[in-house]
């Protein structure tokens, strides 16, 4: 779960999650800082996790942390 230039984070039940590098996500600098500081944890994320997330944000070392929203196509 990623964008071309951002890493994705989901807050679920008060815990911040991001996909593991083994999933193919970008090894972002900002992402690594959040993981090392203990502010985020890695796990496999699913569509159900997106729906359950109380907050979604993306990070990039140049742009910082930005709020994101999931949009459903109808």
Protein backbone atom coordinates (compact mmCIF):
# COMPACT_ATOMS: atom_id res chain seq x y z
CA UNK A 1 0.00 0.00 0.00
CA UNK A 2 1.81 3.09 -1.22
CA UNK A 3 1.80 5.94 -3.66
CA UNK A 4 4.59 6.74 -6.07
CA UNK A 5 6.23 9.20 -3.69
CA UNK A 6 4.59 8.67 -0.29
CA UNK A 7 4.37 5.97 2.36
CA UNK A 8 0.93 5.17 3.75
CA UNK A 9 0.03 4.94 7.45
CA UNK A 10 -3.24 3.87 9.08
CA UNK A 11 -4.27 4.55 12.67
CA UNK A 12 -6.37 1.63 13.94
CA UNK A 13 -7.44 1.41 17.59
CA UNK A 14 -4.90 4.09 18.47
CA UNK A 15 -1.94 2.27 16.88
CA UNK A 16 -0.20 3.63 13.78
CA UNK A 17 0.49 0.94 11.15
CA UNK A 18 2.43 0.91 7.88
CA UNK A 19 3.11 -1.96 5.48
CA UNK A 20 6.37 -3.88 5.92
CA UNK A 21 9.13 -3.40 3.33
CA UNK A 22 8.58 -7.02 2.29
CA UNK A 23 5.21 -5.90 0.85
CA UNK A 24 7.06 -3.80 -1.70
CA UNK A 25 6.50 -0.37 -0.15
CA UNK A 26 9.05 2.41 -0.43
CA UNK A 27 11.86 2.47 2.18
CA UNK A 28 11.11 6.11 2.99
CA UNK A 29 13.26 8.25 5.30
CA UNK A 30 10.26 9.72 7.17
CA UNK A 31 8.77 6.22 7.48
CA UNK A 32 11.99 4.90 8.99
CA UNK A 33 12.09 7.77 11.50
CA UNK A 34 8.55 7.00 12.68
CA UNK A 35 9.39 3.29 13.04
CA UNK A 36 12.64 3.94 14.94
CA UNK A 37 10.93 6.38 17.29
CA UNK A 38 8.26 3.78 18.06
CA UNK A 39 5.54 6.00 16.62
CA UNK A 40 4.54 3.38 14.01
CA UNK A 41 4.62 -0.37 13.58
CA UNK A 42 4.73 -2.64 10.53
CA UNK A 43 2.17 -5.24 9.52
CA UNK A 44 0.30 -6.54 6.50
CA UNK A 45 -2.55 -4.14 5.81
CA UNK A 46 -5.83 -5.02 4.10
CA UNK A 47 -8.79 -3.23 2.57
CA UNK A 48 -10.63 -3.97 5.80
CA UNK A 49 -7.89 -2.09 7.66
CA UNK A 50 -8.46 0.93 5.40
CA UNK A 51 -12.14 0.86 6.29
CA UNK A 52 -11.37 0.49 10.02
CA UNK A 53 -8.78 3.28 10.15
CA UNK A 54 -9.67 6.33 12.21
CA UNK A 55 -6.93 8.25 10.42
CA UNK A 56 -4.99 7.80 7.17
CA UNK A 57 -1.87 9.80 6.39
CA UNK A 58 1.04 9.70 3.98
CA UNK A 59 4.64 10.75 4.53
CA UNK A 60 7.48 11.98 2.38
CA UNK A 61 10.82 13.44 3.49
CA UNK A 62 10.26 16.59 1.41
CA UNK A 63 6.56 17.15 2.08
CA UNK A 64 6.35 15.78 5.62
CA UNK A 65 3.14 14.22 6.90
CA UNK A 66 -0.12 14.84 5.05
CA UNK A 67 -3.67 13.75 5.92
CA UNK A 68 -5.26 11.42 3.37
CA UNK A 69 -8.75 10.09 2.76
CA UNK A 70 -10.03 6.92 1.17
CA UNK A 71 -12.44 7.59 -1.69
CA UNK A 72 -14.85 4.93 -2.87
CA UNK A 73 -15.83 4.70 -6.52
CA UNK A 74 -19.51 4.19 -7.21
